[in-house]
N, C-alpha and C. Protein backbone atom coordinates (compact mmCIF):
# COMPACT_ATOMS: atom_id res chain seq x y z
N UNK A 1 -9.42 9.31 -21.01
CA UNK A 1 -8.76 7.98 -21.55
C UNK A 1 -8.77 7.05 -20.15
N UNK A 2 -9.63 6.08 -21.09
CA UNK A 2 -9.56 5.08 -19.57
C UNK A 2 -8.61 3.92 -19.81
N UNK A 3 -7.89 3.95 -18.12
CA UNK A 3 -6.34 2.89 -17.88
C UNK A 3 -6.43 1.75 -19.59
N UNK A 4 -4.91 1.39 -19.71
CA UNK A 4 -5.42 -0.05 -19.89
C UNK A 4 -5.87 -1.12 -19.32
N UNK A 5 -5.76 -2.80 -19.73
CA UNK A 5 -5.38 -3.62 -18.51
C UNK A 5 -4.51 -3.57 -18.35
N UNK A 6 -3.53 -3.62 -18.54
CA UNK A 6 -2.07 -4.05 -17.52
C UNK A 6 -1.34 -2.83 -17.88
N UNK A 7 -0.57 -2.67 -16.45
CA UNK A 7 0.44 -1.83 -16.32
C UNK A 7 1.76 -1.51 -17.69
N UNK A 8 2.32 -0.94 -17.98
CA UNK A 8 3.44 -0.46 -18.77
C UNK A 8 4.94 -0.91 -18.17
N UNK A 9 5.21 -1.74 -19.05
CA UNK A 9 6.40 -2.86 -18.41
C UNK A 9 8.15 -2.25 -19.23
N UNK A 10 8.89 -1.40 -18.64
CA UNK A 10 10.04 -1.15 -18.69
C UNK A 10 11.00 -1.91 -18.89
N UNK A 11 12.07 -1.19 -19.02
CA UNK A 11 13.77 -1.73 -18.56
C UNK A 11 13.48 -2.13 -17.10
N UNK A 12 13.28 -0.99 -16.50
CA UNK A 12 13.44 -1.47 -15.03
C UNK A 12 12.07 -1.91 -14.29
N UNK A 13 11.06 -2.23 -15.07
CA UNK A 13 9.76 -2.85 -14.31
C UNK A 13 9.70 -4.52 -14.98
N UNK A 14 10.02 -4.44 -16.02
CA UNK A 14 10.28 -6.10 -16.33
C UNK A 14 11.01 -6.92 -15.24
N UNK A 15 10.41 -8.28 -15.50
CA UNK A 15 10.62 -9.44 -13.65
C UNK A 15 12.51 -9.99 -15.01
N UNK A 16 13.34 -9.62 -13.46
CA UNK A 16 13.81 -10.67 -14.06
C UNK A 16 14.29 -12.22 -12.81
N UNK A 17 13.82 -12.38 -12.30
CA UNK A 17 13.74 -13.17 -11.12
C UNK A 17 12.30 -13.59 -10.56
N UNK A 18 12.49 -15.38 -10.54
CA UNK A 18 11.21 -15.60 -10.60
C UNK A 18 10.00 -14.91 -11.67
N UNK A 19 9.62 -15.24 -12.75
CA UNK A 19 8.64 -14.16 -13.50
C UNK A 19 7.46 -14.96 -13.68
N UNK A 20 7.49 -16.09 -12.95
CA UNK A 20 5.86 -16.61 -12.94
C UNK A 20 5.38 -16.44 -11.82
N UNK A 21 5.80 -15.80 -10.75
CA UNK A 21 5.18 -14.87 -9.66
C UNK A 21 4.66 -13.45 -9.78
N UNK A 22 4.96 -12.95 -11.85
CA UNK A 22 4.43 -11.73 -11.94
C UNK A 22 3.40 -11.47 -12.65
N UNK A 23 3.03 -10.46 -12.17
CA UNK A 23 1.65 -9.78 -13.15
C UNK A 23 1.84 -8.57 -13.34
N UNK A 24 1.28 -8.57 -14.24
CA UNK A 24 1.42 -6.85 -15.29
C UNK A 24 0.05 -6.63 -15.00
N UNK A 25 -1.35 -7.36 -14.96
CA UNK A 25 -2.30 -7.09 -14.52
C UNK A 25 -2.98 -6.29 -13.61
N UNK A 26 -3.70 -4.91 -14.36
CA UNK A 26 -4.09 -3.35 -13.38
C UNK A 26 -5.24 -4.11 -12.83
N UNK A 27 -6.14 -4.95 -12.75
CA UNK A 27 -7.07 -5.33 -11.57
C UNK A 27 -6.20 -6.28 -10.28
N UNK A 28 -5.43 -7.00 -10.72
CA UNK A 28 -4.64 -7.79 -9.78
C UNK A 28 -3.39 -6.43 -8.46
N UNK A 29 -2.70 -5.36 -9.23
CA UNK A 29 -1.93 -4.37 -8.80
C UNK A 29 -3.15 -3.21 -7.76
N UNK A 30 -3.98 -3.06 -9.11
CA UNK A 30 -5.54 -2.80 -7.71
C UNK A 30 -5.97 -3.15 -5.93
N UNK A 31 -6.31 -4.75 -6.74
CA UNK A 31 -6.16 -4.68 -5.38
C UNK A 31 -5.48 -5.74 -4.57
N UNK A 32 -4.36 -5.83 -4.80
CA UNK A 32 -3.36 -5.21 -3.08
C UNK A 32 -3.03 -4.16 -2.90
N UNK A 33 -3.80 -3.26 -4.39
CA UNK A 33 -2.95 -1.78 -2.91
C UNK A 33 -4.44 -1.43 -2.20
N UNK A 34 -5.92 -1.96 -1.94
CA UNK A 34 -6.92 -1.96 -2.09
C UNK A 34 -7.13 -1.78 -0.74
N UNK A 35 -5.68 -3.15 -0.30
CA UNK A 35 -6.32 -3.69 0.41
C UNK A 35 -4.83 -3.34 1.49
N UNK A 36 -4.10 -3.20 0.84
CA UNK A 36 -2.39 -3.33 2.36
C UNK A 36 -3.52 -1.65 2.96
N UNK A 37 -2.42 -1.20 3.93
CA UNK A 37 -2.40 0.97 3.80
C UNK A 37 -1.42 1.34 3.76
N UNK A 38 -0.09 0.78 4.00
CA UNK A 38 1.30 1.94 3.70
C UNK A 38 1.81 1.44 2.59
N UNK A 39 2.44 2.19 2.28
CA UNK A 39 3.35 2.05 0.99
C UNK A 39 4.66 2.16 1.31
N UNK A 40 5.29 1.44 0.64
CA UNK A 40 7.76 2.99 0.80
C UNK A 40 7.29 3.76 -0.44
N UNK A 41 7.63 5.37 -0.12
CA UNK A 41 7.92 5.54 -1.40
C UNK A 41 9.50 5.90 -0.91
N UNK A 42 9.78 5.82 -2.34
CA UNK A 42 11.91 5.39 -2.31
C UNK A 42 12.50 6.73 -3.30
N UNK A 43 13.04 7.24 -3.31
CA UNK A 43 13.46 9.21 -3.90
C UNK A 43 14.57 8.50 -3.78
N UNK A 44 15.88 9.67 -4.13
CA UNK A 44 16.63 10.06 -4.45
C UNK A 44 16.88 11.78 -4.53
N UNK A 45 17.71 12.22 -3.36
CA UNK A 45 17.65 14.36 -3.50
C UNK A 45 19.63 14.22 -3.24
N UNK A 46 19.67 14.72 -3.80
CA UNK A 46 21.01 15.14 -4.18
C UNK A 46 22.56 13.66 -3.10
N UNK A 47 21.95 13.00 -4.47
CA UNK A 47 22.67 12.56 -4.14
C UNK A 47 22.49 10.76 -2.95
N UNK A 48 21.36 11.47 -1.86
CA UNK A 48 21.26 10.93 -0.84
C UNK A 48 19.97 9.20 -0.75
N UNK A 49 19.82 8.44 -1.02
CA UNK A 49 18.05 8.15 -1.00
C UNK A 49 17.77 7.70 0.59
N UNK A 50 16.14 8.15 0.10
CA UNK A 50 15.53 8.04 0.95
C UNK A 50 14.62 6.78 1.23
N UNK A 51 14.00 5.90 1.99
CA UNK A 51 13.03 5.50 1.36
C UNK A 51 11.58 5.32 3.05
N UNK A 52 10.36 5.87 2.73
CA UNK A 52 9.73 6.54 3.20
C UNK A 52 8.32 5.65 3.32
N UNK A 53 7.31 5.40 4.47
CA UNK A 53 6.28 4.72 4.91
C UNK A 53 5.66 5.41 4.83
N UNK A 54 4.47 5.38 3.96
CA UNK A 54 3.01 6.55 3.58
C UNK A 54 1.55 5.40 4.01
N UNK A 55 0.78 6.67 5.07
CA UNK A 55 -0.44 6.02 4.25
C UNK A 55 -1.27 6.22 2.38
N UNK A 56 -2.28 6.09 2.32
CA UNK A 56 -2.24 6.51 0.69
C UNK A 56 -3.46 6.67 0.53
N UNK A 57 -4.09 6.98 -0.69
CA UNK A 57 -5.10 5.96 -1.12
C UNK A 57 -5.40 6.14 -2.75
N UNK A 58 -6.33 5.25 -3.53
CA UNK A 58 -6.56 4.85 -4.88
C UNK A 58 -7.88 4.68 -5.23
N UNK A 59 -7.82 6.01 -6.41
CA UNK A 59 -8.99 6.65 -6.70
C UNK A 59 -8.36 6.40 -8.54
N UNK A 60 -9.72 4.95 -8.96
CA UNK A 60 -8.90 5.11 -10.34
C UNK A 60 -7.42 4.61 -10.40
N UNK A 61 -6.80 5.17 -11.74
CA UNK A 61 -5.98 4.74 -11.83
C UNK A 61 -4.34 5.62 -11.55
N UNK A 62 -4.77 5.92 -9.66
CA UNK A 62 -3.99 7.34 -8.98
C UNK A 62 -4.08 7.11 -7.85
N UNK A 63 -2.77 7.72 -6.93
CA UNK A 63 -2.78 6.94 -6.17
C UNK A 63 -2.40 8.16 -5.61
N UNK A 64 -2.49 8.82 -3.78
CA UNK A 64 -2.98 10.06 -3.30
C UNK A 64 -2.11 10.07 -1.92
N UNK A 65 -0.92 11.24 -2.48
CA UNK A 65 0.29 10.33 -1.20
C UNK A 65 0.03 12.42 -0.01
N UNK A 66 -0.32 12.61 1.05
CA UNK A 66 -0.05 13.51 1.09
C UNK A 66 0.85 14.47 2.53
N UNK A 67 0.83 15.38 3.17
CA UNK A 67 1.91 15.66 4.48
C UNK A 67 1.17 16.83 4.42
N UNK A 68 2.22 17.21 5.28
CA UNK A 68 2.39 18.74 6.26
C UNK A 68 3.45 19.99 4.17
N UNK A 69 2.70 20.97 3.97
CA UNK A 69 3.12 21.84 3.27
C UNK A 69 4.45 22.33 3.61
N UNK A 70 5.18 22.06 5.23
CA UNK A 70 5.85 22.38 5.16
C UNK A 70 7.09 21.37 5.01
N UNK A 71 6.26 19.46 4.74
CA UNK A 71 7.44 18.01 4.54
C UNK A 71 8.83 18.95 3.99
N UNK A 72 9.53 18.08 3.45
CA UNK A 72 10.50 18.60 2.68
C UNK A 72 10.73 17.49 1.44
N UNK A 73 10.68 16.86 1.95
CA UNK A 73 9.99 15.07 1.48
C UNK A 73 8.73 15.40 0.05
N UNK A 74 7.86 16.51 0.46
CA UNK A 74 6.64 15.80 -0.74
C UNK A 74 7.24 17.48 -1.16
N UNK A 75 7.91 18.93 -0.59
CA UNK A 75 8.31 19.86 -1.40
C UNK A 75 9.77 19.31 -2.26
N UNK A 76 10.32 17.89 -2.34
CA UNK A 76 11.04 17.86 -3.10
C UNK A 76 9.89 16.63 -4.21
N UNK A 77 9.02 15.76 -3.95
CA UNK A 77 8.29 14.91 -5.25
C UNK A 77 7.80 15.91 -5.76
N UNK A 78 7.28 17.04 -5.35
CA UNK A 78 6.16 17.34 -6.20
C UNK A 78 6.88 18.55 -7.43
N UNK A 79 8.65 18.57 -7.09
CA UNK A 79 9.73 18.63 -8.42
C UNK A 79 9.43 17.99 -9.73
N UNK A 80 8.75 16.40 -9.24
CA UNK A 80 9.21 16.06 -10.80
C UNK A 80 10.22 14.58 -10.53
N UNK A 81 10.63 14.64 -9.49
CA UNK A 81 11.53 12.84 -9.58
C UNK A 81 10.70 12.31 -9.03
N UNK A 82 11.81 11.28 -9.95
CA UNK A 82 11.74 9.40 -9.84
C UNK A 82 11.26 9.31 -8.23
N UNK A 83 10.21 8.86 -8.58
CA UNK A 83 9.32 7.64 -7.87
C UNK A 83 9.82 6.40 -7.77
N UNK A 84 9.38 5.24 -7.06
CA UNK A 84 9.30 4.06 -6.15
C UNK A 84 8.94 4.04 -5.75
N UNK A 85 6.74 3.04 -6.03
CA UNK A 85 6.50 3.29 -4.92
C UNK A 85 5.75 1.11 -4.41
N UNK A 86 6.11 1.08 -3.24
CA UNK A 86 5.39 -0.56 -3.09
C UNK A 86 5.18 -0.87 -1.88
N UNK A 87 4.35 -1.96 -2.42
CA UNK A 87 3.15 -1.94 -1.40
C UNK A 87 3.15 -3.37 -1.16
N UNK A 88 3.44 -4.14 0.18
CA UNK A 88 3.43 -5.64 0.38
C UNK A 88 2.74 -5.61 1.73
N UNK A 89 2.06 -7.51 0.91
CA UNK A 89 0.91 -7.79 2.51
C UNK A 89 1.52 -8.90 2.71
N UNK A 90 2.04 -9.60 3.54
CA UNK A 90 2.46 -10.98 4.68
C UNK A 90 1.73 -11.89 4.26
N UNK A 91 1.16 -13.20 3.42
CA UNK A 91 0.13 -13.78 3.82
C UNK A 91 0.61 -15.23 4.25
N UNK A 92 1.67 -15.56 4.58
CA UNK A 92 2.54 -16.25 5.77
C UNK A 92 4.24 -16.45 5.66
N UNK A 93 4.19 -17.26 6.81
CA UNK A 93 5.74 -18.67 6.07
C UNK A 93 5.91 -19.27 5.90
N UNK A 94 6.81 -19.85 5.24
CA UNK A 94 6.58 -21.34 4.37
C UNK A 94 7.74 -22.16 5.51
N UNK A 95 7.54 -22.36 5.75
CA UNK A 95 8.27 -23.86 6.80
C UNK A 95 9.28 -25.38 6.08
N UNK A 96 9.80 -24.99 5.14
CA UNK A 96 10.26 -26.22 4.81
C UNK A 96 11.42 -27.64 5.50
N UNK A 97 11.55 -28.31 4.89
CA UNK A 97 12.68 -28.95 5.45
C UNK A 97 14.38 -29.19 5.67
N UNK A 98 14.41 -28.05 5.11
CA UNK A 98 15.43 -26.91 5.32
C UNK A 98 15.28 -26.03 5.40
N UNK A 99 16.19 -25.16 5.63
CA UNK A 99 15.79 -23.77 6.28
C UNK A 99 16.31 -22.42 4.82
N UNK A 100 17.46 -23.29 3.09
CA UNK A 100 17.13 -22.90 2.80
C UNK A 100 16.43 -22.45 2.20
N UNK A 101 14.67 -23.64 2.00
CA UNK A 101 14.02 -23.94 1.09
C UNK A 101 12.93 -22.98 2.23
N UNK A 102 12.81 -22.01 3.41
CA UNK A 102 11.76 -21.85 4.23
C UNK A 102 11.94 -20.40 2.77
N UNK A 103 11.25 -19.41 3.08
CA UNK A 103 10.33 -18.30 2.25
C UNK A 103 9.00 -18.22 2.59
N UNK A 104 8.14 -17.18 2.05
CA UNK A 104 7.86 -16.27 2.81
C UNK A 104 5.77 -16.03 1.81
N UNK A 105 4.56 -16.27 1.74
CA UNK A 105 3.55 -15.94 1.04
C UNK A 105 3.84 -14.90 1.51
N UNK A 106 3.42 -13.91 -0.12
CA UNK A 106 3.15 -12.52 0.23
C UNK A 106 2.59 -12.08 -1.17
N UNK A 107 1.99 -10.64 -1.28
CA UNK A 107 1.62 -10.08 -2.40
C UNK A 107 2.33 -8.79 -2.39
N UNK A 108 2.66 -8.26 -3.41
CA UNK A 108 3.12 -6.54 -3.26
C UNK A 108 3.44 -6.29 -4.49
N UNK A 109 3.20 -5.18 -4.40
CA UNK A 109 3.23 -4.19 -6.05
C UNK A 109 4.87 -3.31 -6.11
N UNK A 110 4.73 -3.24 -7.14
CA UNK A 110 6.32 -2.38 -6.86
C UNK A 110 5.99 -1.31 -7.81
N UNK A 111 5.55 0.15 -8.49
CA UNK A 111 5.69 1.42 -9.55
C UNK A 111 6.90 2.30 -9.15
N UNK A 112 6.50 2.91 -10.88
CA UNK A 112 7.23 3.30 -10.67
C UNK A 112 6.75 5.04 -11.71
N UNK A 113 7.21 5.92 -11.29
CA UNK A 113 6.46 6.94 -12.05
C UNK A 113 7.16 8.96 -11.65
N UNK A 114 5.63 10.13 -11.48
CA UNK A 114 6.38 10.75 -11.26
C UNK A 114 4.77 11.51 -10.25
N UNK A 115 5.06 12.01 -9.43
CA UNK A 115 4.13 12.69 -8.58
C UNK A 115 3.56 13.88 -9.08
N UNK A 116 2.37 14.76 -9.23
CA UNK A 116 1.85 16.02 -9.39
C UNK A 116 1.20 16.29 -8.27
N UNK A 117 1.59 17.47 -8.16
CA UNK A 117 0.32 18.26 -7.43
C UNK A 117 -1.06 18.54 -7.11
N UNK A 118 -2.02 18.17 -6.28
CA UNK A 118 -2.70 17.95 -6.46
C UNK A 118 -3.45 20.05 -6.52
N UNK A 119 -4.08 20.68 -6.78
CA UNK A 119 -4.35 21.72 -7.05
C UNK A 119 -5.82 22.14 -6.34
N UNK A 120 -6.41 23.14 -5.18
CA UNK A 120 -7.50 23.47 -5.98
C UNK A 120 -8.29 22.92 -4.06
N UNK A 121 -9.07 24.03 -3.45
CA UNK A 121 -9.75 23.18 -2.73
C UNK A 121 -10.11 22.14 -2.67
N UNK A 122 -11.58 21.94 -3.80
CA UNK A 122 -12.02 21.01 -4.28
C UNK A 122 -10.95 20.12 -4.15
N UNK A 123 -10.40 19.75 -5.04
CA UNK A 123 -9.50 18.64 -5.63
C UNK A 123 -8.90 17.86 -5.02
N UNK A 124 -8.33 18.46 -3.85
CA UNK A 124 -7.62 18.70 -2.53
C UNK A 124 -8.70 17.76 -1.38
N UNK A 125 -9.83 18.25 -1.42
CA UNK A 125 -10.70 17.49 -0.13
C UNK A 125 -11.28 16.16 -1.26
N UNK A 126 -11.32 16.12 -1.91
CA UNK A 126 -11.82 15.03 -2.14
C UNK A 126 -10.36 13.93 -2.64
N UNK A 127 -9.18 14.52 -2.33
CA UNK A 127 -8.10 13.33 -2.67
C UNK A 127 -8.61 12.72 -0.76
N UNK A 128 -8.19 14.05 -0.18
CA UNK A 128 -8.15 13.74 1.19
C UNK A 128 -9.24 12.73 1.79
N UNK A 129 -10.42 12.72 1.08
CA UNK A 129 -11.69 11.00 0.77
C UNK A 129 -11.45 10.01 1.03
N UNK A 130 -10.54 10.88 -0.73
CA UNK A 130 -10.10 8.60 -1.00
C UNK A 130 -9.56 8.64 0.06
N UNK A 131 -8.27 8.84 0.96
CA UNK A 131 -7.40 8.62 1.67
C UNK A 131 -8.36 8.01 2.16
N UNK A 132 -9.24 9.17 2.97
CA UNK A 132 -9.33 8.71 4.86
C UNK A 132 -10.17 7.09 4.43
N UNK A 133 -10.92 7.20 3.78
CA UNK A 133 -11.99 6.14 3.41
C UNK A 133 -11.69 5.00 3.01
N UNK A 134 -9.67 5.11 2.73
CA UNK A 134 -8.93 3.65 2.38
C UNK A 134 -8.99 3.27 3.81
N UNK A 135 -8.29 4.28 4.03
CA UNK A 135 -7.44 3.39 6.02
C UNK A 135 -8.50 3.50 6.90
N UNK A 136 -10.04 3.69 7.34
CA UNK A 136 -10.84 3.84 7.49
C UNK A 136 -11.98 4.14 6.81
N UNK A 137 -12.82 3.40 6.01
CA UNK A 137 -14.56 3.62 5.09
C UNK A 137 -14.96 3.86 6.47
N UNK A 138 -16.13 5.08 6.08
CA UNK A 138 -17.12 5.66 6.93
C UNK A 138 -16.97 5.82 8.16
N UNK A 139 -15.30 7.07 8.08
CA UNK A 139 -14.93 8.22 9.00
C UNK A 139 -15.35 9.17 8.07
N UNK A 140 -15.67 9.25 7.14
CA UNK A 140 -15.71 10.82 6.68
C UNK A 140 -17.15 11.37 6.45
N UNK A 141 -17.98 10.49 6.85
CA UNK A 141 -19.30 10.81 6.52
C UNK A 141 -19.61 10.58 8.28
N UNK A 142 -18.76 10.08 9.55
CA UNK A 142 -19.14 9.84 10.48
C UNK A 142 -18.40 11.43 11.46
N UNK A 143 -17.05 11.37 10.86
CA UNK A 143 -16.56 12.76 11.27
C UNK A 143 -16.41 14.01 11.26
N UNK A 144 -15.54 15.09 12.10
CA UNK A 144 -15.40 16.50 11.04
C UNK A 144 -14.35 16.19 10.18
N UNK A 145 -14.87 17.12 8.94
CA UNK A 145 -14.07 16.70 7.85
C UNK A 145 -13.28 18.61 7.85
N UNK A 146 -11.82 18.11 7.11
CA UNK A 146 -10.52 19.78 7.45
C UNK A 146 -11.54 20.75 7.58
N UNK A 147 -11.69 21.75 7.58
CA UNK A 147 -11.60 23.24 7.27
C UNK A 147 -10.56 23.89 6.81
N UNK A 148 -10.49 25.04 6.21
CA UNK A 148 -10.03 26.08 4.60
C UNK A 148 -8.38 25.56 5.22
N UNK A 149 -8.70 26.18 6.23
CA UNK A 149 -6.65 26.28 7.22
C UNK A 149 -6.54 25.30 7.31
N UNK A 150 -7.05 24.11 7.08
CA UNK A 150 -6.11 22.52 7.38
C UNK A 150 -5.47 22.48 5.90
N UNK A 151 -6.96 22.08 5.03
CA UNK A 151 -6.98 21.58 3.56
C UNK A 151 -5.37 23.02 3.11
N UNK A 152 -5.42 23.84 3.38
CA UNK A 152 -4.30 24.84 2.91
C UNK A 152 -3.40 24.32 3.32
N UNK A 153 -2.56 24.54 4.47
CA UNK A 153 -1.72 23.39 5.59
C UNK A 153 -1.40 21.96 5.04
N UNK A 154 -2.19 21.14 4.04
CA UNK A 154 -2.07 20.04 3.66
C UNK A 154 -0.76 20.09 2.23
N UNK A 155 -0.31 19.47 1.92
CA UNK A 155 0.33 18.49 0.20
C UNK A 155 -0.34 18.01 0.02
N UNK A 156 -1.75 17.63 -1.02
CA UNK A 156 -1.19 16.52 -1.63
C UNK A 156 -1.37 15.86 -3.19
N UNK A 157 -0.10 14.80 -2.66
CA UNK A 157 0.49 14.41 -4.25
C UNK A 157 -0.38 13.20 -4.64
N UNK A 158 -0.46 13.24 -6.14
CA UNK A 158 -1.05 12.56 -6.60
C UNK A 158 -0.10 11.58 -7.72
N UNK A 159 -0.20 9.96 -7.85
CA UNK A 159 1.06 9.37 -8.27
C UNK A 159 0.66 8.60 -9.29
N UNK A 160 0.90 8.00 -10.50
CA UNK A 160 0.06 7.41 -11.41
C UNK A 160 0.19 5.97 -11.64
N UNK A 161 -0.95 4.98 -11.30
CA UNK A 161 -0.61 4.25 -11.27
C UNK A 161 -0.71 3.05 -13.50
N UNK A 162 0.49 3.70 -13.38
CA UNK A 162 0.79 3.60 -15.12
C UNK A 162 2.44 2.16 -15.39
N UNK A 163 3.54 2.15 -15.15
CA UNK A 163 4.15 1.45 -14.62
C UNK A 163 4.62 0.32 -14.03
N UNK A 164 5.10 0.72 -13.58
CA UNK A 164 5.38 -0.96 -12.48
C UNK A 164 4.40 -2.25 -12.76
N UNK A 165 4.82 -3.23 -11.91
CA UNK A 165 4.02 -4.85 -11.97
C UNK A 165 3.90 -5.54 -10.46
N UNK A 166 3.06 -6.35 -9.97
CA UNK A 166 2.33 -7.60 -9.08
C UNK A 166 3.70 -8.39 -8.86
N UNK A 167 4.12 -8.76 -7.89
CA UNK A 167 5.10 -10.83 -7.70
C UNK A 167 3.30 -11.19 -6.64
N UNK A 168 2.97 -12.66 -6.43
CA UNK A 168 2.65 -12.73 -5.62
C UNK A 168 2.84 -14.33 -5.69
N UNK A 169 3.52 -15.38 -3.89
CA UNK A 169 4.20 -15.64 -3.95
C UNK A 169 2.88 -16.81 -3.19
N UNK A 170 2.31 -17.75 -3.82
CA UNK A 170 1.06 -18.79 -2.02
C UNK A 170 1.93 -19.97 -2.08
N UNK A 171 1.15 -21.05 -1.33
CA UNK A 171 1.63 -22.14 -1.51
C UNK A 171 2.33 -22.42 -0.23
N UNK A 172 2.80 -24.34 -0.21
CA UNK A 172 4.01 -24.65 0.21
C UNK A 172 5.47 -24.53 0.22
N UNK A 173 6.10 -25.33 1.15
CA UNK A 173 7.58 -25.82 0.10
C UNK A 173 8.35 -25.74 -0.26
N UNK A 174 8.61 -25.31 -1.34
CA UNK A 174 9.50 -26.34 -2.97
C UNK A 174 11.25 -26.93 -1.77
N UNK A 175 11.16 -27.92 -1.16
CA UNK A 175 11.92 -28.70 -1.08
C UNK A 175 12.93 -29.41 -1.51
N UNK A 176 14.27 -29.65 -1.74
CA UNK A 176 14.90 -30.53 -2.60
C UNK A 176 14.36 -31.75 -2.61
N UNK A 177 14.45 -32.57 -3.23
CA UNK A 177 14.06 -34.07 -3.18
C UNK A 177 14.40 -34.71 -2.43
N UNK A 178 16.12 -34.63 -2.13
CA UNK A 178 16.29 -35.63 -0.70
C UNK A 178 15.86 -35.28 0.65
N UNK A 179 15.53 -33.63 0.84
CA UNK A 179 15.54 -33.86 1.64
C UNK A 179 13.81 -34.14 2.78
N UNK A 180 13.07 -34.51 1.65
CA UNK A 180 11.78 -34.89 2.00
C UNK A 180 11.56 -35.90 2.94
N UNK A 181 12.64 -36.67 2.62
CA UNK A 181 12.34 -38.27 3.81
C UNK A 181 13.16 -37.53 5.64
N UNK A 182 13.33 -36.43 5.15
CA UNK A 182 13.46 -36.38 6.58
C UNK A 182 12.74 -35.08 7.46
N UNK A 183 12.82 -36.37 8.66
CA UNK A 183 12.16 -35.89 9.94
C UNK A 183 11.24 -34.35 10.27
N UNK A 184 11.06 -33.88 9.45
CA UNK A 184 10.66 -32.51 10.23
C UNK A 184 9.19 -31.95 8.76
N UNK A 185 8.91 -31.27 10.07
CA UNK A 185 7.67 -30.44 9.93
C UNK A 185 7.93 -29.87 8.71
N UNK A 186 6.77 -29.62 7.58
CA UNK A 186 6.67 -28.93 6.96
C UNK A 186 5.55 -27.99 6.28
N UNK A 187 5.67 -27.01 5.93
CA UNK A 187 3.94 -26.59 5.47
C UNK A 187 4.11 -24.96 5.64
N UNK A 188 2.73 -24.64 6.08
CA UNK A 188 2.68 -22.65 6.17
C UNK A 188 2.08 -23.18 7.68
N UNK A 189 2.95 -21.35 7.37
CA UNK A 189 2.02 -20.79 9.06
C UNK A 189 1.15 -20.14 9.06
N UNK A 190 -0.07 -19.32 7.94
CA UNK A 190 -0.62 -18.31 8.08
C UNK A 190 -0.28 -16.88 8.84
N UNK A 191 -0.60 -15.49 7.57
CA UNK A 191 -0.87 -14.50 8.84
C UNK A 191 -1.68 -14.02 8.28
N UNK A 192 -2.20 -13.33 9.46
CA UNK A 192 -3.29 -12.46 8.65
C UNK A 192 -3.11 -10.91 9.37
N UNK A 193 -3.40 -10.20 8.57
CA UNK A 193 -3.91 -8.43 9.62
C UNK A 193 -4.98 -8.52 9.94
N UNK A 194 -5.48 -8.41 11.21
CA UNK A 194 -6.66 -8.27 12.10
C UNK A 194 -6.54 -6.19 12.63
N UNK A 195 -7.63 -6.37 13.17
CA UNK A 195 -7.95 -5.04 14.11
C UNK A 195 -8.39 -5.75 15.84
N UNK A 196 -7.46 -4.92 17.07
CA UNK A 196 -8.47 -5.48 17.73
C UNK A 196 -9.55 -5.09 18.61
N UNK A 197 -9.71 -4.88 19.97
CA UNK A 197 -10.94 -3.79 20.55
C UNK A 197 -10.00 -2.83 20.36
N UNK A 198 -11.32 -1.95 20.30
CA UNK A 198 -10.88 -0.24 20.24
C UNK A 198 -10.46 0.33 20.97
N UNK A 199 -9.98 0.74 21.45
CA UNK A 199 -9.67 1.65 23.04
C UNK A 199 -10.37 3.08 23.03
N UNK A 200 -10.68 3.13 23.62
CA UNK A 200 -11.51 4.42 23.66
C UNK A 200 -10.90 5.94 24.15
N UNK A 201 -10.52 6.79 23.73
CA UNK A 201 -9.59 8.29 24.03
C UNK A 201 -9.95 8.46 24.95
N UNK A 202 -9.30 9.13 26.55
CA UNK A 202 -9.77 9.25 27.70
C UNK A 202 -10.43 9.73 27.92
N UNK A 203 -10.46 11.40 26.99
CA UNK A 203 -11.67 12.03 27.63
C UNK A 203 -13.01 12.48 26.64
N UNK A 204 -13.10 10.57 26.06
CA UNK A 204 -14.37 10.05 24.66
C UNK A 204 -15.50 10.61 25.81
N UNK A 205 -16.81 10.56 25.54
CA UNK A 205 -17.58 10.97 26.58
C UNK A 205 -18.34 10.03 27.09
N UNK A 206 -18.51 9.70 27.65
CA UNK A 206 -19.31 8.19 28.82
C UNK A 206 -20.23 7.47 27.54
N UNK A 207 -20.94 8.93 26.87
CA UNK A 207 -22.52 8.43 26.22
C UNK A 207 -22.02 7.92 24.93
N UNK A 208 -21.13 8.34 24.53
CA UNK A 208 -20.73 8.35 22.75
C UNK A 208 -20.17 6.61 22.31
N UNK A 209 -20.69 6.15 21.88
CA UNK A 209 -20.95 4.28 21.35
C UNK A 209 -19.83 4.41 20.39
N UNK A 210 -19.59 3.28 20.28
CA UNK A 210 -18.50 2.98 19.18
C UNK A 210 -18.92 3.35 17.56
N UNK A 211 -18.78 3.58 16.53
CA UNK A 211 -19.53 3.84 15.56
C UNK A 211 -18.94 1.99 14.69
N UNK A 212 -20.40 1.97 13.41
CA UNK A 212 -20.62 1.23 13.31
C UNK A 212 -18.81 0.08 12.24
N UNK A 213 -18.81 2.07 11.87
CA UNK A 213 -17.63 1.36 10.79
C UNK A 213 -16.67 0.42 11.19
N UNK A 214 -16.56 1.29 12.59
CA UNK A 214 -15.28 0.94 13.46
C UNK A 214 -15.61 -0.40 14.87
N UNK A 215 -16.82 -1.18 14.17
CA UNK A 215 -16.37 -1.77 15.51
C UNK A 215 -16.35 -3.07 13.97
N UNK A 216 -16.53 -3.42 12.95
CA UNK A 216 -15.91 -4.30 12.01
C UNK A 216 -15.48 -3.97 11.71
N UNK A 217 -14.73 -3.29 11.80
CA UNK A 217 -13.37 -2.79 11.18
C UNK A 217 -12.39 -3.90 10.07
N UNK A 218 -12.41 -4.39 8.73
CA UNK A 218 -11.75 -4.95 8.85
C UNK A 218 -10.67 -5.01 7.45
N UNK A 219 -9.54 -5.46 7.29
CA UNK A 219 -8.69 -5.53 5.20
C UNK A 219 -9.04 -6.21 4.72
N UNK A 220 -9.82 -6.20 3.41
CA UNK A 220 -9.55 -7.96 2.60
C UNK A 220 -10.93 -9.12 2.84
N UNK A 221 -10.24 -8.90 2.25
CA UNK A 221 -11.70 -10.89 2.25
C UNK A 221 -11.89 -11.34 3.64
């Protein structure tokens, strides 16, 4: 069954502050997830909260998370504990005339749910391909793919993009009316994630050139 156009909304995922910034539209959520590189995975084990940054990949209405089979965190998550997954893209700092009204322009996603274990070598390989292509598109076809022993030593979890929301803040400052007369500069300081010049490994053979997918690497439009 194909996913609905909007994410599920419950008591924990409804908007309380600044609902005008909120979205439950799946297309908006997917767009943010496809540009971001890291999610923060929050959960509680034996009354101790944890928030762990992780790389990921999206396929349809699911996210894939992975790590070593010895990971205590992944062993706990595969048991079906409640998880909160968030991603944030920082687009700029909003400079106001008063410090109180300084803000940030951002696009963020918060999701709720439970992860399930991806089983079987073929399914795990597909999930690992999704992860690889999300972070470095083109590398799956260029580099050596995981061998059976490496796949066996990797735990892959599937997390549903089913309940949650996105929030987006854009534009300039919202100063108090009295502050517009102040002789203080106000506006936006845009920020963007960009890649630097690739640095070759010290053991790289001299005749190996940089592949095309890394030459033109970028996130988003």
